[in-house]
Amino acid sequence: LIIAQTDFHEVEYNQTIGNWDRVGELLGEEAEQLKAAGADFFFIACNT
């Protein structure tokens, strides 16, 4: 198992202002870090 973690404050700020493209960019970058570290698949530990 590999965990990548971004700063929730930045994610929540962009959610609040409706900048979902930035949320997607931030979490897409984390997914790429997981891939580089050897993850075979991933999930996002959040519904929102």
ModelCIF file with pLDDT and N, C-alpha, C, O atoms, coordinates in Angstrom:
data_MODEL
#
_entry.id   MODEL 
#
_entity.id                         1 
_entity.type                       polymer 
_entity.pdbx_number_of_molecules   1 
#
_entity_poly.entity_id                      1 
_entity_poly.type                           'polypeptide(L)' 
_entity_poly.nstd_linkage                   no 
_entity_poly.nstd_monomer                   no 
_entity_poly.pdbx_seq_one_letter_code       LIIAQTDFHEVEYNQTIGNWDRVGELLGEEAEQLKAAGADFFFIACNT 
_entity_poly.pdbx_seq_one_letter_code_can   LIIAQTDFHEVEYNQTIGNWDRVGELLGEEAEQLKAAGADFFFIACNT 
_entity_poly.pdbx_strand_id                 A 
#
loop_
_entity_poly_seq.entity_id 
_entity_poly_seq.num 
_entity_poly_seq.mon_id 
_entity_poly_seq.hetero 
1 1  LEU n 
1 2  ILE n 
1 3  ILE n 
1 4  ALA n 
1 5  GLN n 
1 6  THR n 
1 7  ASP n 
1 8  PHE n 
1 9  HIS n 
1 10 GLU n 
1 11 VAL n 
1 12 GLU n 
1 13 TYR n 
1 14 ASN n 
1 15 GLN n 
1 16 THR n 
1 17 ILE n 
1 18 GLY n 
1 19 ASN n 
1 20 TRP n 
1 21 ASP n 
1 22 ARG n 
1 23 VAL n 
1 24 GLY n 
1 25 GLU n 
1 26 LEU n 
1 27 LEU n 
1 28 GLY n 
1 29 GLU n 
1 30 GLU n 
1 31 ALA n 
1 32 GLU n 
1 33 GLN n 
1 34 LEU n 
1 35 LYS n 
1 36 ALA n 
1 37 ALA n 
1 38 GLY n 
1 39 ALA n 
1 40 ASP n 
1 41 PHE n 
1 42 PHE n 
1 43 PHE n 
1 44 ILE n 
1 45 ALA n 
1 46 CYS n 
1 47 ASN n 
1 48 THR n 
#
_struct_asym.id          A 
_struct_asym.entity_id   1 
#
loop_
_ma_qa_metric.id 
_ma_qa_metric.mode 
_ma_qa_metric.name 
_ma_qa_metric.software_group_id 
_ma_qa_metric.type 
1 global pLDDT . pLDDT 
2 local  pLDDT . pLDDT 
#
_ma_qa_metric_global.metric_id      1 
_ma_qa_metric_global.metric_value   95.29 
_ma_qa_metric_global.model_id       1 
_ma_qa_metric_global.ordinal_id     1 
#
loop_
_ma_qa_metric_local.label_asym_id 
_ma_qa_metric_local.label_comp_id 
_ma_qa_metric_local.label_seq_id 
_ma_qa_metric_local.metric_id 
_ma_qa_metric_local.metric_value 
_ma_qa_metric_local.model_id 
_ma_qa_metric_local.ordinal_id 
A LEU 1  2 97.00 1 1  
A ILE 2  2 98.00 1 2  
A ILE 3  2 97.00 1 3  
A ALA 4  2 96.00 1 4  
A GLN 5  2 91.00 1 5  
A THR 6  2 88.00 1 6  
A ASP 7  2 91.00 1 7  
A PHE 8  2 91.00 1 8  
A HIS 9  2 93.00 1 9  
A GLU 10 2 95.00 1 10 
A VAL 11 2 94.00 1 11 
A GLU 12 2 91.00 1 12 
A TYR 13 2 95.00 1 13 
A ASN 14 2 96.00 1 14 
A GLN 15 2 92.00 1 15 
A THR 16 2 91.00 1 16 
A ILE 17 2 96.00 1 17 
A GLY 18 2 93.00 1 18 
A ASN 19 2 97.00 1 19 
A TRP 20 2 95.00 1 20 
A ASP 21 2 96.00 1 21 
A ARG 22 2 96.00 1 22 
A VAL 23 2 96.00 1 23 
A GLY 24 2 96.00 1 24 
A GLU 25 2 96.00 1 25 
A LEU 26 2 96.00 1 26 
A LEU 27 2 97.00 1 27 
A GLY 28 2 96.00 1 28 
A GLU 29 2 96.00 1 29 
A GLU 30 2 97.00 1 30 
A ALA 31 2 97.00 1 31 
A GLU 32 2 97.00 1 32 
A GLN 33 2 97.00 1 33 
A LEU 34 2 98.00 1 34 
A LYS 35 2 98.00 1 35 
A ALA 36 2 98.00 1 36 
A ALA 37 2 98.00 1 37 
A GLY 38 2 98.00 1 38 
A ALA 39 2 98.00 1 39 
A ASP 40 2 98.00 1 40 
A PHE 41 2 98.00 1 41 
A PHE 42 2 98.00 1 42 
A PHE 43 2 98.00 1 43 
A ILE 44 2 97.00 1 44 
A ALA 45 2 95.00 1 45 
A CYS 46 2 92.00 1 46 
A ASN 47 2 90.00 1 47 
A THR 48 2 90.00 1 48 
#
loop_
_atom_site.group_PDB 
_atom_site.id 
_atom_site.type_symbol 
_atom_site.label_atom_id 
_atom_site.label_alt_id 
_atom_site.label_comp_id 
_atom_site.label_asym_id 
_atom_site.label_entity_id 
_atom_site.label_seq_id 
_atom_site.pdbx_PDB_ins_code 
_atom_site.Cartn_x 
_atom_site.Cartn_y 
_atom_site.Cartn_z 
_atom_site.occupancy 
_atom_site.B_iso_or_equiv 
_atom_site.pdbx_formal_charge 
_atom_site.auth_seq_id 
_atom_site.auth_comp_id 
_atom_site.auth_asym_id 
_atom_site.auth_atom_id 
_atom_site.pdbx_PDB_model_num 
ATOM 1   N N  . LEU A 1 1  ? 0.829   -1.204 0.000   1.00 97.00 ? 1  LEU A N  1 
ATOM 2   C CA . LEU A 1 1  ? 0.000   0.000  0.000   1.00 97.00 ? 1  LEU A CA 1 
ATOM 3   C C  . LEU A 1 1  ? 0.864   1.255  0.000   1.00 97.00 ? 1  LEU A C  1 
ATOM 4   O O  . LEU A 1 1  ? 1.881   1.320  0.690   1.00 97.00 ? 1  LEU A O  1 
ATOM 5   N N  . ILE A 1 2  ? 0.449   2.248  -0.779  1.00 98.00 ? 2  ILE A N  1 
ATOM 6   C CA . ILE A 1 2  ? 1.131   3.537  -0.847  1.00 98.00 ? 2  ILE A CA 1 
ATOM 7   C C  . ILE A 1 2  ? 0.094   4.633  -0.653  1.00 98.00 ? 2  ILE A C  1 
ATOM 8   O O  . ILE A 1 2  ? -0.971  4.602  -1.271  1.00 98.00 ? 2  ILE A O  1 
ATOM 9   N N  . ILE A 1 3  ? 0.400   5.599  0.198   1.00 97.00 ? 3  ILE A N  1 
ATOM 10  C CA . ILE A 1 3  ? -0.506  6.730  0.421   1.00 97.00 ? 3  ILE A CA 1 
ATOM 11  C C  . ILE A 1 3  ? 0.162   8.011  -0.066  1.00 97.00 ? 3  ILE A C  1 
ATOM 12  O O  . ILE A 1 3  ? 1.307   8.296  0.284   1.00 97.00 ? 3  ILE A O  1 
ATOM 13  N N  . ALA A 1 4  ? -0.559  8.776  -0.870  1.00 96.00 ? 4  ALA A N  1 
ATOM 14  C CA . ALA A 1 4  ? -0.138  10.124 -1.262  1.00 96.00 ? 4  ALA A CA 1 
ATOM 15  C C  . ALA A 1 4  ? -1.130  11.095 -0.649  1.00 96.00 ? 4  ALA A C  1 
ATOM 16  O O  . ALA A 1 4  ? -2.335  10.839 -0.655  1.00 96.00 ? 4  ALA A O  1 
ATOM 17  N N  . GLN A 1 5  ? -0.648  12.182 -0.131  1.00 91.00 ? 5  GLN A N  1 
ATOM 18  C CA . GLN A 1 5  ? -1.534  13.103 0.582   1.00 91.00 ? 5  GLN A CA 1 
ATOM 19  C C  . GLN A 1 5  ? -1.226  14.542 0.201   1.00 91.00 ? 5  GLN A C  1 
ATOM 20  O O  . GLN A 1 5  ? -0.079  14.985 0.252   1.00 91.00 ? 5  GLN A O  1 
ATOM 21  N N  . THR A 1 6  ? -2.271  15.260 -0.182  1.00 88.00 ? 6  THR A N  1 
ATOM 22  C CA . THR A 1 6  ? -2.142  16.674 -0.469  1.00 88.00 ? 6  THR A CA 1 
ATOM 23  C C  . THR A 1 6  ? -2.695  17.474 0.701   1.00 88.00 ? 6  THR A C  1 
ATOM 24  O O  . THR A 1 6  ? -3.307  16.905 1.605   1.00 88.00 ? 6  THR A O  1 
ATOM 25  N N  . ASP A 1 7  ? -2.488  18.770 0.696   1.00 91.00 ? 7  ASP A N  1 
ATOM 26  C CA . ASP A 1 7  ? -2.966  19.622 1.783   1.00 91.00 ? 7  ASP A CA 1 
ATOM 27  C C  . ASP A 1 7  ? -4.463  19.857 1.618   1.00 91.00 ? 7  ASP A C  1 
ATOM 28  O O  . ASP A 1 7  ? -4.893  20.491 0.654   1.00 91.00 ? 7  ASP A O  1 
ATOM 29  N N  . PHE A 1 8  ? -5.248  19.349 2.551   1.00 91.00 ? 8  PHE A N  1 
ATOM 30  C CA . PHE A 1 8  ? -6.706  19.444 2.449   1.00 91.00 ? 8  PHE A CA 1 
ATOM 31  C C  . PHE A 1 8  ? -7.174  20.895 2.403   1.00 91.00 ? 8  PHE A C  1 
ATOM 32  O O  . PHE A 1 8  ? -8.198  21.194 1.790   1.00 91.00 ? 8  PHE A O  1 
ATOM 33  N N  . HIS A 1 9  ? -6.447  21.784 3.033   1.00 93.00 ? 9  HIS A N  1 
ATOM 34  C CA . HIS A 1 9  ? -6.832  23.197 3.029   1.00 93.00 ? 9  HIS A CA 1 
ATOM 35  C C  . HIS A 1 9  ? -6.932  23.722 1.598   1.00 93.00 ? 9  HIS A C  1 
ATOM 36  O O  . HIS A 1 9  ? -7.886  24.424 1.262   1.00 93.00 ? 9  HIS A O  1 
ATOM 37  N N  . GLU A 1 10 ? -5.963  23.389 0.761   1.00 95.00 ? 10 GLU A N  1 
ATOM 38  C CA . GLU A 1 10 ? -5.991  23.878 -0.613  1.00 95.00 ? 10 GLU A CA 1 
ATOM 39  C C  . GLU A 1 10 ? -7.129  23.242 -1.408  1.00 95.00 ? 10 GLU A C  1 
ATOM 40  O O  . GLU A 1 10 ? -7.779  23.911 -2.211  1.00 95.00 ? 10 GLU A O  1 
ATOM 41  N N  . VAL A 1 11 ? -7.365  21.965 -1.187  1.00 94.00 ? 11 VAL A N  1 
ATOM 42  C CA . VAL A 1 11 ? -8.470  21.291 -1.865  1.00 94.00 ? 11 VAL A CA 1 
ATOM 43  C C  . VAL A 1 11 ? -9.799  21.923 -1.469  1.00 94.00 ? 11 VAL A C  1 
ATOM 44  O O  . VAL A 1 11 ? -10.620 22.239 -2.331  1.00 94.00 ? 11 VAL A O  1 
ATOM 45  N N  . GLU A 1 12 ? -10.013 22.110 -0.168  1.00 91.00 ? 12 GLU A N  1 
ATOM 46  C CA . GLU A 1 12 ? -11.271 22.668 0.304   1.00 91.00 ? 12 GLU A CA 1 
ATOM 47  C C  . GLU A 1 12 ? -11.463 24.108 -0.178  1.00 91.00 ? 12 GLU A C  1 
ATOM 48  O O  . GLU A 1 12 ? -12.579 24.506 -0.512  1.00 91.00 ? 12 GLU A O  1 
ATOM 49  N N  . TYR A 1 13 ? -10.391 24.881 -0.216  1.00 95.00 ? 13 TYR A N  1 
ATOM 50  C CA . TYR A 1 13 ? -10.497 26.250 -0.727  1.00 95.00 ? 13 TYR A CA 1 
ATOM 51  C C  . TYR A 1 13 ? -11.003 26.249 -2.168  1.00 95.00 ? 13 TYR A C  1 
ATOM 52  O O  . TYR A 1 13 ? -11.900 27.020 -2.511  1.00 95.00 ? 13 TYR A O  1 
ATOM 53  N N  . ASN A 1 14 ? -10.441 25.397 -3.002  1.00 96.00 ? 14 ASN A N  1 
ATOM 54  C CA . ASN A 1 14 ? -10.853 25.357 -4.402  1.00 96.00 ? 14 ASN A CA 1 
ATOM 55  C C  . ASN A 1 14 ? -12.247 24.775 -4.584  1.00 96.00 ? 14 ASN A C  1 
ATOM 56  O O  . ASN A 1 14 ? -12.957 25.155 -5.516  1.00 96.00 ? 14 ASN A O  1 
ATOM 57  N N  . GLN A 1 15 ? -12.652 23.854 -3.706  1.00 92.00 ? 15 GLN A N  1 
ATOM 58  C CA . GLN A 1 15 ? -14.039 23.401 -3.716  1.00 92.00 ? 15 GLN A CA 1 
ATOM 59  C C  . GLN A 1 15 ? -14.979 24.564 -3.429  1.00 92.00 ? 15 GLN A C  1 
ATOM 60  O O  . GLN A 1 15 ? -15.986 24.747 -4.114  1.00 92.00 ? 15 GLN A O  1 
ATOM 61  N N  . THR A 1 16 ? -14.640 25.341 -2.418  1.00 91.00 ? 16 THR A N  1 
ATOM 62  C CA . THR A 1 16 ? -15.508 26.431 -1.974  1.00 91.00 ? 16 THR A CA 1 
ATOM 63  C C  . THR A 1 16 ? -15.721 27.468 -3.071  1.00 91.00 ? 16 THR A C  1 
ATOM 64  O O  . THR A 1 16 ? -16.822 27.997 -3.221  1.00 91.00 ? 16 THR A O  1 
ATOM 65  N N  . ILE A 1 17 ? -14.667 27.762 -3.842  1.00 96.00 ? 17 ILE A N  1 
ATOM 66  C CA . ILE A 1 17 ? -14.799 28.772 -4.896  1.00 96.00 ? 17 ILE A CA 1 
ATOM 67  C C  . ILE A 1 17 ? -15.229 28.155 -6.227  1.00 96.00 ? 17 ILE A C  1 
ATOM 68  O O  . ILE A 1 17 ? -15.332 28.852 -7.236  1.00 96.00 ? 17 ILE A O  1 
ATOM 69  N N  . GLY A 1 18 ? -15.476 26.851 -6.221  1.00 93.00 ? 18 GLY A N  1 
ATOM 70  C CA . GLY A 1 18 ? -15.969 26.191 -7.423  1.00 93.00 ? 18 GLY A CA 1 
ATOM 71  C C  . GLY A 1 18 ? -14.922 25.894 -8.470  1.00 93.00 ? 18 GLY A C  1 
ATOM 72  O O  . GLY A 1 18 ? -15.264 25.663 -9.630  1.00 93.00 ? 18 GLY A O  1 
ATOM 73  N N  . ASN A 1 19 ? -13.650 25.895 -8.092  1.00 97.00 ? 19 ASN A N  1 
ATOM 74  C CA . ASN A 1 19 ? -12.565 25.636 -9.036  1.00 97.00 ? 19 ASN A CA 1 
ATOM 75  C C  . ASN A 1 19 ? -12.251 24.135 -9.058  1.00 97.00 ? 19 ASN A C  1 
ATOM 76  O O  . ASN A 1 19 ? -11.203 23.702 -8.578  1.00 97.00 ? 19 ASN A O  1 
ATOM 77  N N  . TRP A 1 20 ? -13.161 23.362 -9.616  1.00 95.00 ? 20 TRP A N  1 
ATOM 78  C CA . TRP A 1 20 ? -13.015 21.911 -9.618  1.00 95.00 ? 20 TRP A CA 1 
ATOM 79  C C  . TRP A 1 20 ? -11.902 21.451 -10.562 1.00 95.00 ? 20 TRP A C  1 
ATOM 80  O O  . TRP A 1 20 ? -11.341 20.369 -10.384 1.00 95.00 ? 20 TRP A O  1 
ATOM 81  N N  . ASP A 1 21 ? -11.586 22.272 -11.564 1.00 96.00 ? 21 ASP A N  1 
ATOM 82  C CA . ASP A 1 21 ? -10.454 21.927 -12.425 1.00 96.00 ? 21 ASP A CA 1 
ATOM 83  C C  . ASP A 1 21 ? -9.161  21.878 -11.618 1.00 96.00 ? 21 ASP A C  1 
ATOM 84  O O  . ASP A 1 21 ? -8.321  21.004 -11.832 1.00 96.00 ? 21 ASP A O  1 
ATOM 85  N N  . ARG A 1 22 ? -9.007  22.818 -10.692 1.00 96.00 ? 22 ARG A N  1 
ATOM 86  C CA . ARG A 1 22 ? -7.808  22.834 -9.845  1.00 96.00 ? 22 ARG A CA 1 
ATOM 87  C C  . ARG A 1 22 ? -7.803  21.639 -8.889  1.00 96.00 ? 22 ARG A C  1 
ATOM 88  O O  . ARG A 1 22 ? -6.753  21.046 -8.638  1.00 96.00 ? 22 ARG A O  1 
ATOM 89  N N  . VAL A 1 23 ? -8.981  21.287 -8.356  1.00 96.00 ? 23 VAL A N  1 
ATOM 90  C CA . VAL A 1 23 ? -9.064  20.091 -7.517  1.00 96.00 ? 23 VAL A CA 1 
ATOM 91  C C  . VAL A 1 23 ? -8.618  18.869 -8.313  1.00 96.00 ? 23 VAL A C  1 
ATOM 92  O O  . VAL A 1 23 ? -7.848  18.043 -7.823  1.00 96.00 ? 23 VAL A O  1 
ATOM 93  N N  . GLY A 1 24 ? -9.112  18.764 -9.549  1.00 96.00 ? 24 GLY A N  1 
ATOM 94  C CA . GLY A 1 24 ? -8.725  17.643 -10.400 1.00 96.00 ? 24 GLY A CA 1 
ATOM 95  C C  . GLY A 1 24 ? -7.240  17.612 -10.684 1.00 96.00 ? 24 GLY A C  1 
ATOM 96  O O  . GLY A 1 24 ? -6.624  16.546 -10.714 1.00 96.00 ? 24 GLY A O  1 
ATOM 97  N N  . GLU A 1 25 ? -6.662  18.795 -10.895 1.00 96.00 ? 25 GLU A N  1 
ATOM 98  C CA . GLU A 1 25 ? -5.225  18.881 -11.151 1.00 96.00 ? 25 GLU A CA 1 
ATOM 99  C C  . GLU A 1 25 ? -4.414  18.436 -9.942  1.00 96.00 ? 25 GLU A C  1 
ATOM 100 O O  . GLU A 1 25 ? -3.461  17.667 -10.069 1.00 96.00 ? 25 GLU A O  1 
ATOM 101 N N  . LEU A 1 26 ? -4.803  18.930 -8.763  1.00 96.00 ? 26 LEU A N  1 
ATOM 102 C CA . LEU A 1 26 ? -4.090  18.579 -7.538  1.00 96.00 ? 26 LEU A CA 1 
ATOM 103 C C  . LEU A 1 26 ? -4.108  17.072 -7.292  1.00 96.00 ? 26 LEU A C  1 
ATOM 104 O O  . LEU A 1 26 ? -3.074  16.480 -6.984  1.00 96.00 ? 26 LEU A O  1 
ATOM 105 N N  . LEU A 1 27 ? -5.274  16.457 -7.428  1.00 97.00 ? 27 LEU A N  1 
ATOM 106 C CA . LEU A 1 27 ? -5.402  15.044 -7.109  1.00 97.00 ? 27 LEU A CA 1 
ATOM 107 C C  . LEU A 1 27 ? -4.867  14.170 -8.242  1.00 97.00 ? 27 LEU A C  1 
ATOM 108 O O  . LEU A 1 27 ? -4.408  13.052 -8.004  1.00 97.00 ? 27 LEU A O  1 
ATOM 109 N N  . GLY A 1 28 ? -4.927  14.678 -9.470  1.00 96.00 ? 28 GLY A N  1 
ATOM 110 C CA . GLY A 1 28 ? -4.292  13.959 -10.570 1.00 96.00 ? 28 GLY A CA 1 
ATOM 111 C C  . GLY A 1 28 ? -2.789  13.871 -10.380 1.00 96.00 ? 28 GLY A C  1 
ATOM 112 O O  . GLY A 1 28 ? -2.171  12.855 -10.698 1.00 96.00 ? 28 GLY A O  1 
ATOM 113 N N  . GLU A 1 29 ? -2.204  14.948 -9.858  1.00 96.00 ? 29 GLU A N  1 
ATOM 114 C CA . GLU A 1 29 ? -0.766  14.933 -9.556  1.00 96.00 ? 29 GLU A CA 1 
ATOM 115 C C  . GLU A 1 29 ? -0.446  13.889 -8.490  1.00 96.00 ? 29 GLU A C  1 
ATOM 116 O O  . GLU A 1 29 ? 0.575   13.206 -8.572  1.00 96.00 ? 29 GLU A O  1 
ATOM 117 N N  . GLU A 1 30 ? -1.320  13.767 -7.490  1.00 97.00 ? 30 GLU A N  1 
ATOM 118 C CA . GLU A 1 30 ? -1.101  12.751 -6.449  1.00 97.00 ? 30 GLU A CA 1 
ATOM 119 C C  . GLU A 1 30 ? -1.200  11.346 -7.038  1.00 97.00 ? 30 GLU A C  1 
ATOM 120 O O  . GLU A 1 30 ? -0.435  10.456 -6.663  1.00 97.00 ? 30 GLU A O  1 
ATOM 121 N N  . ALA A 1 31 ? -2.141  11.148 -7.958  1.00 97.00 ? 31 ALA A N  1 
ATOM 122 C CA . ALA A 1 31 ? -2.274  9.834  -8.598  1.00 97.00 ? 31 ALA A CA 1 
ATOM 123 C C  . ALA A 1 31 ? -1.018  9.484  -9.379  1.00 97.00 ? 31 ALA A C  1 
ATOM 124 O O  . ALA A 1 31 ? -0.586  8.331  -9.373  1.00 97.00 ? 31 ALA A O  1 
ATOM 125 N N  . GLU A 1 32 ? -0.432  10.459 -10.045 1.00 97.00 ? 32 GLU A N  1 
ATOM 126 C CA . GLU A 1 32 ? 0.804   10.208 -10.786 1.00 97.00 ? 32 GLU A CA 1 
ATOM 127 C C  . GLU A 1 32 ? 1.960   9.873  -9.843  1.00 97.00 ? 32 GLU A C  1 
ATOM 128 O O  . GLU A 1 32 ? 2.838   9.084  -10.191 1.00 97.00 ? 32 GLU A O  1 
ATOM 129 N N  . GLN A 1 33 ? 1.959   10.469 -8.659  1.00 97.00 ? 33 GLN A N  1 
ATOM 130 C CA . GLN A 1 33 ? 2.972   10.099 -7.670  1.00 97.00 ? 33 GLN A CA 1 
ATOM 131 C C  . GLN A 1 33 ? 2.797   8.650  -7.225  1.00 97.00 ? 33 GLN A C  1 
ATOM 132 O O  . GLN A 1 33 ? 3.775   7.926  -7.043  1.00 97.00 ? 33 GLN A O  1 
ATOM 133 N N  . LEU A 1 34 ? 1.555   8.238  -7.054  1.00 98.00 ? 34 LEU A N  1 
ATOM 134 C CA . LEU A 1 34 ? 1.287   6.846  -6.691  1.00 98.00 ? 34 LEU A CA 1 
ATOM 135 C C  . LEU A 1 34 ? 1.770   5.899  -7.781  1.00 98.00 ? 34 LEU A C  1 
ATOM 136 O O  . LEU A 1 34 ? 2.380   4.868  -7.498  1.00 98.00 ? 34 LEU A O  1 
ATOM 137 N N  . LYS A 1 35 ? 1.494   6.258  -9.022  1.00 98.00 ? 35 LYS A N  1 
ATOM 138 C CA . LYS A 1 35 ? 1.939   5.433  -10.149 1.00 98.00 ? 35 LYS A CA 1 
ATOM 139 C C  . LYS A 1 35 ? 3.457   5.320  -10.169 1.00 98.00 ? 35 LYS A C  1 
ATOM 140 O O  . LYS A 1 35 ? 4.003   4.232  -10.353 1.00 98.00 ? 35 LYS A O  1 
ATOM 141 N N  . ALA A 1 36 ? 4.136   6.448  -9.979  1.00 98.00 ? 36 ALA A N  1 
ATOM 142 C CA . ALA A 1 36 ? 5.603   6.446  -9.998  1.00 98.00 ? 36 ALA A CA 1 
ATOM 143 C C  . ALA A 1 36 ? 6.174   5.611  -8.858  1.00 98.00 ? 36 ALA A C  1 
ATOM 144 O O  . ALA A 1 36 ? 7.260   5.043  -8.977  1.00 98.00 ? 36 ALA A O  1 
ATOM 145 N N  . ALA A 1 37 ? 5.437   5.540  -7.752  1.00 98.00 ? 37 ALA A N  1 
ATOM 146 C CA . ALA A 1 37 ? 5.904   4.773  -6.595  1.00 98.00 ? 37 ALA A CA 1 
ATOM 147 C C  . ALA A 1 37 ? 5.590   3.286  -6.713  1.00 98.00 ? 37 ALA A C  1 
ATOM 148 O O  . ALA A 1 37 ? 6.042   2.490  -5.890  1.00 98.00 ? 37 ALA A O  1 
ATOM 149 N N  . GLY A 1 38 ? 4.811   2.901  -7.741  1.00 98.00 ? 38 GLY A N  1 
ATOM 150 C CA . GLY A 1 38 ? 4.571   1.483  -7.970  1.00 98.00 ? 38 GLY A CA 1 
ATOM 151 C C  . GLY A 1 38 ? 3.166   0.995  -7.716  1.00 98.00 ? 38 GLY A C  1 
ATOM 152 O O  . GLY A 1 38 ? 2.940   -0.215 -7.714  1.00 98.00 ? 38 GLY A O  1 
ATOM 153 N N  . ALA A 1 39 ? 2.194   1.897  -7.496  1.00 98.00 ? 39 ALA A N  1 
ATOM 154 C CA . ALA A 1 39 ? 0.812   1.466  -7.288  1.00 98.00 ? 39 ALA A CA 1 
ATOM 155 C C  . ALA A 1 39 ? 0.248   0.867  -8.575  1.00 98.00 ? 39 ALA A C  1 
ATOM 156 O O  . ALA A 1 39 ? 0.516   1.358  -9.671  1.00 98.00 ? 39 ALA A O  1 
ATOM 157 N N  . ASP A 1 40 ? -0.540  -0.205 -8.424  1.00 98.00 ? 40 ASP A N  1 
ATOM 158 C CA . ASP A 1 40 ? -1.188  -0.840 -9.578  1.00 98.00 ? 40 ASP A CA 1 
ATOM 159 C C  . ASP A 1 40 ? -2.532  -0.206 -9.890  1.00 98.00 ? 40 ASP A C  1 
ATOM 160 O O  . ASP A 1 40 ? -2.988  -0.253 -11.033 1.00 98.00 ? 40 ASP A O  1 
ATOM 161 N N  . PHE A 1 41 ? -3.164  0.379  -8.902  1.00 98.00 ? 41 PHE A N  1 
ATOM 162 C CA . PHE A 1 41 ? -4.429  1.091  -9.054  1.00 98.00 ? 41 PHE A CA 1 
ATOM 163 C C  . PHE A 1 41 ? -4.554  2.005  -7.855  1.00 98.00 ? 41 PHE A C  1 
ATOM 164 O O  . PHE A 1 41 ? -3.739  1.936  -6.935  1.00 98.00 ? 41 PHE A O  1 
ATOM 165 N N  . PHE A 1 42 ? -5.564  2.862  -7.853  1.00 98.00 ? 42 PHE A N  1 
ATOM 166 C CA . PHE A 1 42 ? -5.730  3.754  -6.706  1.00 98.00 ? 42 PHE A CA 1 
ATOM 167 C C  . PHE A 1 42 ? -7.197  4.040  -6.447  1.00 98.00 ? 42 PHE A C  1 
ATOM 168 O O  . PHE A 1 42 ? -8.065  3.762  -7.275  1.00 98.00 ? 42 PHE A O  1 
ATOM 169 N N  . PHE A 1 43 ? -7.447  4.600  -5.284  1.00 98.00 ? 43 PHE A N  1 
ATOM 170 C CA . PHE A 1 43 ? -8.753  5.177  -4.989  1.00 98.00 ? 43 PHE A CA 1 
ATOM 171 C C  . PHE A 1 43 ? -8.543  6.465  -4.219  1.00 98.00 ? 43 PHE A C  1 
ATOM 172 O O  . PHE A 1 43 ? -7.460  6.727  -3.695  1.00 98.00 ? 43 PHE A O  1 
ATOM 173 N N  . ILE A 1 44 ? -9.601  7.266  -4.158  1.00 97.00 ? 44 ILE A N  1 
ATOM 174 C CA . ILE A 1 44 ? -9.546  8.561  -3.494  1.00 97.00 ? 44 ILE A CA 1 
ATOM 175 C C  . ILE A 1 44 ? -10.362 8.456  -2.216  1.00 97.00 ? 44 ILE A C  1 
ATOM 176 O O  . ILE A 1 44 ? -11.551 8.139  -2.261  1.00 97.00 ? 44 ILE A O  1 
ATOM 177 N N  . ALA A 1 45 ? -9.737  8.719  -1.082  1.00 95.00 ? 45 ALA A N  1 
ATOM 178 C CA . ALA A 1 45 ? -10.359 8.513  0.226   1.00 95.00 ? 45 ALA A CA 1 
ATOM 179 C C  . ALA A 1 45 ? -11.269 9.688  0.602   1.00 95.00 ? 45 ALA A C  1 
ATOM 180 O O  . ALA A 1 45 ? -11.113 10.302 1.658   1.00 95.00 ? 45 ALA A O  1 
ATOM 181 N N  . CYS A 1 46 ? -12.213 9.983  -0.280  1.00 92.00 ? 46 CYS A N  1 
ATOM 182 C CA . CYS A 1 46 ? -13.135 11.107 -0.060  1.00 92.00 ? 46 CYS A CA 1 
ATOM 183 C C  . CYS A 1 46 ? -14.250 11.005 -1.083  1.00 92.00 ? 46 CYS A C  1 
ATOM 184 O O  . CYS A 1 46 ? -13.997 10.713 -2.252  1.00 92.00 ? 46 CYS A O  1 
ATOM 185 N N  . ASN A 1 47 ? -15.482 11.242 -0.655  1.00 90.00 ? 47 ASN A N  1 
ATOM 186 C CA . ASN A 1 47 ? -16.609 11.278 -1.589  1.00 90.00 ? 47 ASN A CA 1 
ATOM 187 C C  . ASN A 1 47 ? -16.661 12.590 -2.352  1.00 90.00 ? 47 ASN A C  1 
ATOM 188 O O  . ASN A 1 47 ? -16.782 12.599 -3.577  1.00 90.00 ? 47 ASN A O  1 
ATOM 189 N N  . THR A 1 48 ? -16.570 13.706 -1.621  1.00 90.00 ? 48 THR A N  1 
ATOM 190 C CA . THR A 1 48 ? -16.804 15.019 -2.209  1.00 90.00 ? 48 THR A CA 1 
ATOM 191 C C  . THR A 1 48 ? -15.953 15.283 -3.439  1.00 90.00 ? 48 THR A C  1 
ATOM 192 O O  . THR A 1 48 ? -16.049 16.355 -4.037  1.00 90.00 ? 48 THR A O  1 
#
